[in-house]
Structures are given as structure tokens and as C-alpha cells.
Amino acid sequence: MRRYLFIAILFFTLGLFFLSWLIVANAQAEPFLWCGATPNAIKWEINLDGVLIQLPVSHIADETAWLKYDLVGISEGVHLVEVRAGNQWGWSAWFPLAFTKAMADVIVNPYISI
């Protein structure tokens, strides 16, 4: 009986751990500029509305790099972003992306209680 109780407690604890990990992993500010797996990249260059931003690769696994850049400080409206990856031999082609950051919804009827 103790054996089954131990296994039940173990699975319950592991379930809570994975649930809390999923909640923390998804609780991030938005928007992000995300580029998927790019082999052999060691640096990134972002052209955000005409402003060049150079970033080193922050995560490399199996010689594959990812880019995750926080765009939280940008204003509302239409924006043009271009991204390219680089390594010791040069740069890739620019990959353009146009997007619109919308204004947050206005709260119409807040609920206040005493």
C-alpha cells in the first residue's frame, strides 16, 4: 500500500512541476521577433524601421541558433522589420516582415468593489 501511495505522490509532484513550468514558460511579454532554427549562425542583424541592431546568438544547440528579440518598447502602428543571420563568412539575405502593433483595448466597465 505504501508503494502505491509513494507512486501516486511522485506522479502528483511531477505533474505540479510540469504544470508550473508550462505556466512560467508561457507568461512572457509580447510581441517578440522570433526566428527559428538557423544552422551555423553566430550573429543576427535586425533592421527595425531603419535602425540597425546587431545581436550575438544567445542560444546555440547542435550548431543551430535561434533569435528571440523583445519588441515591447515599440510604438503603435505599422513597422517594417528585416532580419538576417551571419557567420564568419558573411551575411544571409534580408528577410522582411511588416506588422502592425495595435493599441491595447480600452477598459469600458471596470468592476470596483469595497
N, C-alpha and C. Protein backbone atom coordinates (compact mmCIF):
# COMPACT_ATOMS: atom_id res chain seq x y z
N MET A 1 0.82 -1.19 0.00
CA MET A 1 0.00 0.00 0.00
C MET A 1 0.86 1.26 0.00
N ARG A 2 1.95 1.22 0.80
CA ARG A 2 2.84 2.38 0.83
C ARG A 2 3.50 2.63 -0.51
N ARG A 3 3.74 1.56 -1.22
CA ARG A 3 4.37 1.67 -2.54
C ARG A 3 3.46 2.44 -3.50
N TYR A 4 2.16 2.12 -3.50
CA TYR A 4 1.22 2.83 -4.37
C TYR A 4 1.06 4.29 -3.95
N LEU A 5 1.07 4.53 -2.66
CA LEU A 5 0.98 5.91 -2.16
C LEU A 5 2.20 6.71 -2.60
N PHE A 6 3.38 6.10 -2.50
CA PHE A 6 4.60 6.78 -2.94
C PHE A 6 4.53 7.11 -4.43
N ILE A 7 4.09 6.16 -5.25
CA ILE A 7 3.99 6.38 -6.70
C ILE A 7 2.96 7.47 -7.00
N ALA A 8 1.84 7.47 -6.30
CA ALA A 8 0.82 8.50 -6.52
C ALA A 8 1.36 9.88 -6.15
N ILE A 9 2.06 9.98 -5.04
CA ILE A 9 2.64 11.27 -4.62
C ILE A 9 3.71 11.71 -5.62
N LEU A 10 4.50 10.78 -6.12
CA LEU A 10 5.54 11.10 -7.09
C LEU A 10 4.92 11.65 -8.38
N PHE A 11 3.90 10.98 -8.91
CA PHE A 11 3.26 11.47 -10.13
C PHE A 11 2.57 12.81 -9.91
N PHE A 12 1.95 13.00 -8.75
CA PHE A 12 1.32 14.27 -8.44
C PHE A 12 2.34 15.40 -8.40
N THR A 13 3.49 15.14 -7.76
CA THR A 13 4.55 16.15 -7.67
C THR A 13 5.12 16.47 -9.04
N LEU A 14 5.37 15.45 -9.85
CA LEU A 14 5.87 15.69 -11.21
C LEU A 14 4.85 16.46 -12.05
N GLY A 15 3.58 16.14 -11.89
CA GLY A 15 2.53 16.86 -12.61
C GLY A 15 2.49 18.33 -12.23
N LEU A 16 2.61 18.63 -10.93
CA LEU A 16 2.65 20.02 -10.49
C LEU A 16 3.88 20.75 -11.03
N PHE A 17 5.01 20.05 -11.05
CA PHE A 17 6.23 20.67 -11.57
C PHE A 17 6.06 21.04 -13.04
N PHE A 18 5.58 20.11 -13.86
CA PHE A 18 5.43 20.40 -15.28
C PHE A 18 4.34 21.45 -15.54
N LEU A 19 3.28 21.44 -14.77
CA LEU A 19 2.25 22.46 -14.91
C LEU A 19 2.80 23.84 -14.58
N SER A 20 3.56 23.95 -13.50
CA SER A 20 4.15 25.26 -13.16
C SER A 20 5.18 25.68 -14.20
N TRP A 21 5.91 24.74 -14.76
CA TRP A 21 6.88 25.09 -15.80
C TRP A 21 6.17 25.62 -17.03
N LEU A 22 5.05 24.99 -17.42
CA LEU A 22 4.30 25.47 -18.58
C LEU A 22 3.74 26.86 -18.34
N ILE A 23 3.26 27.13 -17.16
CA ILE A 23 2.72 28.46 -16.85
C ILE A 23 3.81 29.51 -16.91
N VAL A 24 4.95 29.24 -16.33
CA VAL A 24 6.06 30.20 -16.33
C VAL A 24 6.62 30.37 -17.73
N ALA A 25 6.72 29.30 -18.50
CA ALA A 25 7.28 29.39 -19.85
C ALA A 25 6.39 30.21 -20.77
N ASN A 26 5.09 30.21 -20.55
CA ASN A 26 4.18 30.95 -21.41
C ASN A 26 3.84 32.33 -20.90
N ALA A 27 4.28 32.69 -19.71
CA ALA A 27 3.98 34.00 -19.15
C ALA A 27 5.09 34.99 -19.55
N GLN A 28 5.05 35.42 -20.79
CA GLN A 28 6.06 36.33 -21.31
C GLN A 28 5.36 37.53 -21.92
N ALA A 29 6.06 38.64 -21.90
CA ALA A 29 5.52 39.83 -22.55
C ALA A 29 5.55 39.62 -24.07
N GLU A 30 4.73 40.36 -24.76
CA GLU A 30 4.71 40.29 -26.21
C GLU A 30 4.79 41.69 -26.75
N PRO A 31 5.15 41.94 -27.95
CA PRO A 31 5.48 40.99 -29.01
C PRO A 31 6.96 40.65 -29.02
N PHE A 32 7.28 39.51 -29.59
CA PHE A 32 8.65 39.07 -29.79
C PHE A 32 8.90 38.87 -31.27
N LEU A 33 10.10 39.16 -31.69
CA LEU A 33 10.56 38.79 -33.02
C LEU A 33 11.26 37.44 -32.85
N TRP A 34 10.75 36.43 -33.49
CA TRP A 34 11.24 35.07 -33.29
C TRP A 34 11.70 34.50 -34.62
N CYS A 35 12.95 34.05 -34.68
CA CYS A 35 13.46 33.35 -35.85
C CYS A 35 13.82 31.94 -35.41
N GLY A 36 13.34 30.99 -36.15
CA GLY A 36 13.54 29.59 -35.81
C GLY A 36 14.97 29.12 -36.03
N ALA A 37 15.13 27.82 -36.01
CA ALA A 37 16.45 27.20 -36.09
C ALA A 37 17.20 27.62 -37.34
N THR A 38 18.39 28.16 -37.14
CA THR A 38 19.26 28.61 -38.24
C THR A 38 20.63 27.99 -38.05
N PRO A 39 21.04 27.06 -38.89
CA PRO A 39 22.34 26.40 -38.73
C PRO A 39 23.50 27.36 -38.95
N ASN A 40 24.54 27.21 -38.16
CA ASN A 40 25.83 27.91 -38.28
C ASN A 40 25.77 29.41 -38.08
N ALA A 41 24.68 29.97 -37.59
CA ALA A 41 24.61 31.41 -37.33
C ALA A 41 25.34 31.73 -36.03
N ILE A 42 26.11 32.82 -36.04
CA ILE A 42 26.79 33.27 -34.83
C ILE A 42 26.40 34.69 -34.45
N LYS A 43 25.64 35.38 -35.33
CA LYS A 43 25.19 36.73 -35.03
C LYS A 43 23.94 37.03 -35.85
N TRP A 44 23.18 38.01 -35.39
CA TRP A 44 21.96 38.45 -36.03
C TRP A 44 22.03 39.94 -36.27
N GLU A 45 21.40 40.39 -37.33
CA GLU A 45 21.26 41.82 -37.57
C GLU A 45 19.79 42.09 -37.85
N ILE A 46 19.24 43.06 -37.12
CA ILE A 46 17.84 43.42 -37.25
C ILE A 46 17.77 44.86 -37.72
N ASN A 47 16.98 45.12 -38.76
CA ASN A 47 16.71 46.48 -39.22
C ASN A 47 15.26 46.78 -38.85
N LEU A 48 15.07 47.53 -37.77
CA LEU A 48 13.75 47.84 -37.26
C LEU A 48 13.43 49.29 -37.57
N ASP A 49 12.61 49.51 -38.59
CA ASP A 49 12.22 50.86 -39.02
C ASP A 49 13.44 51.74 -39.33
N GLY A 50 14.45 51.15 -39.97
CA GLY A 50 15.63 51.90 -40.37
C GLY A 50 16.74 51.96 -39.33
N VAL A 51 16.54 51.37 -38.16
CA VAL A 51 17.56 51.35 -37.10
C VAL A 51 18.19 49.96 -37.07
N LEU A 52 19.51 49.90 -37.27
CA LEU A 52 20.22 48.61 -37.26
C LEU A 52 20.56 48.19 -35.84
N ILE A 53 20.24 46.96 -35.53
CA ILE A 53 20.54 46.37 -34.22
C ILE A 53 21.31 45.09 -34.47
N GLN A 54 22.52 45.00 -33.90
CA GLN A 54 23.30 43.77 -34.04
C GLN A 54 23.27 43.02 -32.73
N LEU A 55 23.00 41.73 -32.82
CA LEU A 55 22.88 40.88 -31.65
C LEU A 55 23.73 39.64 -31.82
N PRO A 56 24.39 39.21 -30.75
CA PRO A 56 25.04 37.90 -30.81
C PRO A 56 23.98 36.81 -30.66
N VAL A 57 24.32 35.62 -31.06
CA VAL A 57 23.41 34.49 -30.88
C VAL A 57 23.38 34.17 -29.39
N SER A 58 22.17 34.07 -28.85
CA SER A 58 22.06 33.85 -27.41
C SER A 58 21.89 32.38 -27.05
N HIS A 59 21.44 31.56 -27.99
CA HIS A 59 21.24 30.15 -27.68
C HIS A 59 21.67 29.30 -28.87
N ILE A 60 22.62 28.43 -28.62
CA ILE A 60 23.08 27.52 -29.66
C ILE A 60 22.99 26.10 -29.12
N ALA A 61 22.34 25.23 -29.88
CA ALA A 61 22.28 23.81 -29.54
C ALA A 61 22.46 23.04 -30.84
N ASP A 62 23.36 22.11 -30.85
CA ASP A 62 23.62 21.29 -32.05
C ASP A 62 23.95 22.15 -33.26
N GLU A 63 24.75 23.19 -33.06
CA GLU A 63 25.17 24.12 -34.13
C GLU A 63 23.98 24.81 -34.80
N THR A 64 22.87 24.97 -34.08
CA THR A 64 21.69 25.64 -34.59
C THR A 64 21.35 26.79 -33.65
N ALA A 65 21.07 27.96 -34.22
CA ALA A 65 20.82 29.16 -33.43
C ALA A 65 19.39 29.63 -33.57
N TRP A 66 18.88 30.28 -32.53
CA TRP A 66 17.55 30.88 -32.53
C TRP A 66 17.68 32.34 -32.16
N LEU A 67 16.74 33.13 -32.63
CA LEU A 67 16.67 34.54 -32.25
C LEU A 67 15.32 34.79 -31.60
N LYS A 68 15.36 35.44 -30.45
CA LYS A 68 14.14 35.89 -29.78
C LYS A 68 14.42 37.29 -29.28
N TYR A 69 13.83 38.28 -29.96
CA TYR A 69 14.08 39.69 -29.65
C TYR A 69 12.79 40.34 -29.17
N ASP A 70 12.85 40.99 -28.02
CA ASP A 70 11.68 41.60 -27.41
C ASP A 70 11.38 42.94 -28.07
N LEU A 71 10.19 43.08 -28.63
CA LEU A 71 9.77 44.31 -29.29
C LEU A 71 8.83 45.13 -28.41
N VAL A 72 8.91 44.99 -27.10
CA VAL A 72 7.94 45.60 -26.20
C VAL A 72 8.00 47.13 -26.23
N GLY A 73 9.12 47.75 -26.55
CA GLY A 73 9.24 49.19 -26.50
C GLY A 73 8.80 49.93 -27.75
N ILE A 74 8.30 49.23 -28.73
CA ILE A 74 7.93 49.92 -29.98
C ILE A 74 6.56 50.57 -29.86
N SER A 75 6.34 51.58 -30.66
CA SER A 75 5.08 52.32 -30.63
C SER A 75 4.01 51.60 -31.43
N GLU A 76 2.76 52.05 -31.25
CA GLU A 76 1.67 51.50 -32.05
C GLU A 76 1.82 51.95 -33.48
N GLY A 77 1.31 51.14 -34.39
CA GLY A 77 1.35 51.48 -35.80
C GLY A 77 2.02 50.40 -36.62
N VAL A 78 2.27 50.74 -37.89
CA VAL A 78 2.88 49.81 -38.83
C VAL A 78 4.41 49.88 -38.70
N HIS A 79 5.04 48.73 -38.70
CA HIS A 79 6.50 48.65 -38.57
C HIS A 79 7.05 47.71 -39.64
N LEU A 80 8.26 48.00 -40.10
CA LEU A 80 8.97 47.14 -41.03
C LEU A 80 10.20 46.60 -40.34
N VAL A 81 10.31 45.29 -40.31
CA VAL A 81 11.45 44.62 -39.69
C VAL A 81 12.11 43.76 -40.76
N GLU A 82 13.44 43.82 -40.81
CA GLU A 82 14.23 42.93 -41.66
C GLU A 82 15.25 42.25 -40.78
N VAL A 83 15.45 40.97 -41.01
CA VAL A 83 16.37 40.18 -40.20
C VAL A 83 17.29 39.41 -41.12
N ARG A 84 18.54 39.29 -40.69
CA ARG A 84 19.47 38.40 -41.39
C ARG A 84 20.42 37.79 -40.38
N ALA A 85 20.90 36.61 -40.72
CA ALA A 85 21.83 35.88 -39.86
C ALA A 85 23.22 35.95 -40.47
N GLY A 86 24.22 35.91 -39.61
CA GLY A 86 25.59 35.96 -40.09
C GLY A 86 26.46 34.92 -39.42
N ASN A 87 27.54 34.61 -40.11
CA ASN A 87 28.57 33.75 -39.54
C ASN A 87 29.93 34.30 -39.96
N GLN A 88 30.98 33.52 -39.79
CA GLN A 88 32.33 34.01 -40.08
C GLN A 88 32.56 34.28 -41.57
N TRP A 89 31.68 33.80 -42.46
CA TRP A 89 31.86 34.00 -43.90
C TRP A 89 31.00 35.13 -44.47
N GLY A 90 30.08 35.66 -43.68
CA GLY A 90 29.26 36.75 -44.19
C GLY A 90 27.83 36.69 -43.68
N TRP A 91 26.95 37.39 -44.41
CA TRP A 91 25.56 37.52 -44.01
C TRP A 91 24.63 36.81 -44.99
N SER A 92 23.48 36.40 -44.48
CA SER A 92 22.43 35.86 -45.34
C SER A 92 21.69 37.02 -45.99
N ALA A 93 20.71 36.71 -46.82
CA ALA A 93 19.87 37.74 -47.41
C ALA A 93 18.93 38.29 -46.32
N TRP A 94 18.44 39.51 -46.54
CA TRP A 94 17.47 40.11 -45.61
C TRP A 94 16.13 39.40 -45.76
N PHE A 95 15.47 39.16 -44.64
CA PHE A 95 14.12 38.60 -44.63
C PHE A 95 13.19 39.66 -44.07
N PRO A 96 12.36 40.28 -44.93
CA PRO A 96 11.50 41.38 -44.46
C PRO A 96 10.19 40.87 -43.84
N LEU A 97 9.67 41.68 -42.93
CA LEU A 97 8.40 41.40 -42.29
C LEU A 97 7.76 42.74 -41.92
N ALA A 98 6.53 42.95 -42.35
CA ALA A 98 5.78 44.13 -41.96
C ALA A 98 4.67 43.68 -41.02
N PHE A 99 4.48 44.42 -39.92
CA PHE A 99 3.41 44.09 -38.98
C PHE A 99 2.87 45.36 -38.35
N THR A 100 1.71 45.24 -37.76
CA THR A 100 1.06 46.36 -37.09
C THR A 100 0.91 46.05 -35.62
N LYS A 101 1.41 46.95 -34.79
CA LYS A 101 1.18 46.82 -33.35
C LYS A 101 -0.06 47.64 -33.03
N ALA A 102 -1.10 46.96 -32.60
CA ALA A 102 -2.37 47.63 -32.33
C ALA A 102 -2.38 48.21 -30.92
N MET A 103 -3.20 49.23 -30.74
CA MET A 103 -3.37 49.82 -29.43
C MET A 103 -4.14 48.84 -28.56
N ALA A 104 -3.80 48.80 -27.29
CA ALA A 104 -4.49 47.91 -26.37
C ALA A 104 -5.95 48.32 -26.23
N ASP A 105 -6.80 47.35 -25.98
CA ASP A 105 -8.22 47.64 -25.79
C ASP A 105 -8.43 48.54 -24.58
N VAL A 106 -9.42 49.41 -24.67
CA VAL A 106 -9.77 50.31 -23.58
C VAL A 106 -10.74 49.58 -22.66
N ILE A 107 -10.51 49.69 -21.36
CA ILE A 107 -11.40 49.07 -20.39
C ILE A 107 -12.67 49.92 -20.31
N VAL A 108 -13.81 49.31 -20.57
CA VAL A 108 -15.06 50.07 -20.63
C VAL A 108 -15.74 50.12 -19.27
N ASN A 109 -15.94 49.00 -18.64
CA ASN A 109 -16.66 48.94 -17.35
C ASN A 109 -15.83 48.18 -16.33
N PRO A 110 -14.90 48.87 -15.68
CA PRO A 110 -14.13 48.15 -14.65
C PRO A 110 -15.00 47.82 -13.44
N TYR A 111 -14.76 46.73 -12.83
CA TYR A 111 -15.50 46.31 -11.65
C TYR A 111 -14.71 46.72 -10.42
N ILE A 112 -15.28 47.54 -9.59
CA ILE A 112 -14.62 48.01 -8.37
C ILE A 112 -15.47 47.58 -7.20
N SER A 113 -14.81 47.04 -6.19
CA SER A 113 -15.55 46.54 -5.02
C SER A 113 -14.86 47.02 -3.75
N ILE A 114 -15.67 47.18 -2.72
CA ILE A 114 -15.11 47.59 -1.41
C ILE A 114 -15.40 46.51 -0.41
